[in-house]
């Protein structure tokens, strides 16, 4: 069995897109980016880590909210240029308080569930 981590095609900024999907329901929770440091931290800890493009820093999902993602499996797409984290989500995945970042239709209809109040979580 080979370790595909060495074959990951990071972009010119050293990032690879990561889709986080609920391992039980199959719901897509969010899209984020990982660099080598984030991928290594995820594999070592079992908790999802990403690279924050806005802060240009390592970001542990749930570091400030407590809404962590336990990574059950990491999958690599056929071109090795994107990843899928199959996760067990604790609390909401979206920083706006919803269970998923994909909680609106293109027409603006809210189809997700708000599971926490971000104003109390991110004081």
Protein backbone atom coordinates (compact mmCIF):
# COMPACT_ATOMS: atom_id res chain seq x y z
CA UNK A 1 0.00 0.00 0.00
CA UNK A 2 1.53 3.32 -1.06
CA UNK A 3 1.27 6.65 0.74
CA UNK A 4 -0.34 9.04 -1.74
CA UNK A 5 0.54 12.07 0.43
CA UNK A 6 3.81 12.38 -1.46
CA UNK A 7 1.92 12.60 -4.76
CA UNK A 8 -0.44 15.45 -3.81
CA UNK A 9 -0.34 18.25 -6.38
CA UNK A 10 -0.27 21.46 -4.37
CA UNK A 11 -0.92 24.64 -6.38
CA UNK A 12 1.56 27.49 -6.87
CA UNK A 13 0.62 28.84 -3.41
CA UNK A 14 1.32 25.45 -1.83
CA UNK A 15 -2.39 24.69 -1.29
CA UNK A 16 -4.78 21.91 -2.21
CA UNK A 17 -8.60 22.18 -1.99
CA UNK A 18 -10.25 20.00 0.64
CA UNK A 19 -13.92 19.08 0.71
CA UNK A 20 -15.18 18.08 4.16
CA UNK A 21 -18.05 15.61 3.99
CA UNK A 22 -20.06 14.14 6.85
CA UNK A 23 -19.02 10.48 6.95
CA UNK A 24 -22.46 9.32 8.10
CA UNK A 25 -24.97 11.49 6.21
CA UNK A 26 -22.88 12.21 3.11
CA UNK A 27 -23.65 15.94 3.41
CA UNK A 28 -20.97 18.24 2.05
CA UNK A 29 -20.02 20.47 4.96
CA UNK A 30 -17.43 22.88 3.62
CA UNK A 31 -14.61 23.60 1.22
CA UNK A 32 -11.27 24.76 2.57
CA UNK A 33 -7.59 24.50 1.67
CA UNK A 34 -4.68 22.61 3.13
CA UNK A 35 -0.95 23.04 2.80
CA UNK A 36 1.60 20.36 3.73
CA UNK A 37 1.64 21.51 7.35
CA UNK A 38 -2.15 21.27 7.65
CA UNK A 39 -2.26 17.85 6.00
CA UNK A 40 0.47 16.56 8.30
CA UNK A 41 -1.30 17.98 11.39
CA UNK A 42 -4.56 16.36 10.28
CA UNK A 43 -2.95 12.97 9.77
CA UNK A 44 -1.06 13.11 13.07
CA UNK A 45 -3.93 14.38 15.25
CA UNK A 46 -6.98 12.87 13.56
CA UNK A 47 -8.62 16.31 13.64
CA UNK A 48 -9.13 18.46 10.56
CA UNK A 49 -6.57 21.20 10.03
CA UNK A 50 -6.61 23.65 7.16
CA UNK A 51 -4.64 26.61 5.88
CA UNK A 52 -6.43 29.90 6.46
CA UNK A 53 -5.90 31.97 3.34
CA UNK A 54 -7.15 35.15 5.06
CA UNK A 55 -4.74 34.77 7.99
CA UNK A 56 -2.03 32.89 6.05
CA UNK A 57 -1.75 30.46 8.95
CA UNK A 58 -2.48 26.93 10.09
CA UNK A 59 -6.09 26.60 11.27
CA UNK A 60 -7.42 23.77 13.42
CA UNK A 61 -11.14 23.44 12.66
CA UNK A 62 -12.98 24.17 15.89
CA UNK A 63 -9.98 25.84 17.52
CA UNK A 64 -12.08 28.77 18.72
CA UNK A 65 -15.63 27.35 18.45
CA UNK A 66 -15.08 23.82 19.71
CA UNK A 67 -16.86 22.55 16.57
CA UNK A 68 -14.19 20.08 15.54
CA UNK A 69 -14.01 17.59 12.71
CA UNK A 70 -12.70 14.13 13.57
CA UNK A 71 -11.28 12.81 10.32
CA UNK A 72 -12.24 9.21 9.66
CA UNK A 73 -10.62 8.95 6.25
CA UNK A 74 -8.76 11.10 3.75
CA UNK A 75 -9.35 10.44 0.08
CA UNK A 76 -7.35 11.73 -2.87
CA UNK A 77 -9.00 12.47 -6.21
CA UNK A 78 -7.82 10.84 -9.44
CA UNK A 79 -5.54 13.76 -10.37
CA UNK A 80 -4.14 14.06 -6.81
CA UNK A 81 -5.04 17.77 -6.85
CA UNK A 82 -7.88 17.79 -4.32
CA UNK A 83 -8.73 15.97 -1.12
CA UNK A 84 -11.87 14.70 0.58
CA UNK A 85 -12.00 14.51 4.37
CA UNK A 86 -14.70 12.15 5.61
CA UNK A 87 -15.45 13.57 9.04
CA UNK A 88 -17.54 13.33 12.16
CA UNK A 89 -18.61 16.92 12.72
CA UNK A 90 -19.01 18.21 16.28
CA UNK A 91 -21.45 21.15 16.22
CA UNK A 92 -21.89 23.24 13.09
CA UNK A 93 -19.39 23.30 10.25
CA UNK A 94 -20.10 26.86 9.12
CA UNK A 95 -18.81 29.90 11.00
CA UNK A 96 -22.21 31.55 10.40
CA UNK A 97 -23.86 28.97 12.66
CA UNK A 98 -25.21 26.53 10.10
CA UNK A 99 -24.63 22.81 9.96
CA UNK A 100 -23.02 23.20 6.51
CA UNK A 101 -21.48 26.08 4.60
CA UNK A 102 -23.74 25.10 1.71
CA UNK A 103 -26.94 26.21 3.44
CA UNK A 104 -28.38 28.43 0.64
CA UNK A 105 -29.61 27.87 -2.87
CA UNK A 106 -28.46 30.09 -5.73
CA UNK A 107 -31.81 31.90 -5.35
CA UNK A 108 -31.04 32.74 -1.72
CA UNK A 109 -33.38 30.21 -0.10
CA UNK A 110 -32.02 28.95 3.21
CA UNK A 111 -32.09 25.16 3.13
CA UNK A 112 -29.71 24.39 5.99
CA UNK A 113 -30.24 24.41 9.72
CA UNK A 114 -28.74 26.98 12.06
CA UNK A 115 -27.26 24.93 14.90
CA UNK A 116 -25.50 27.63 16.93
CA UNK A 117 -25.39 31.38 17.42
CA UNK A 118 -22.06 32.68 16.10
CA UNK A 119 -22.26 35.86 18.21
CA UNK A 120 -22.10 33.81 21.41
CA UNK A 121 -19.55 31.32 20.12
CA UNK A 122 -17.10 33.86 18.65
CA UNK A 123 -17.21 36.55 21.34
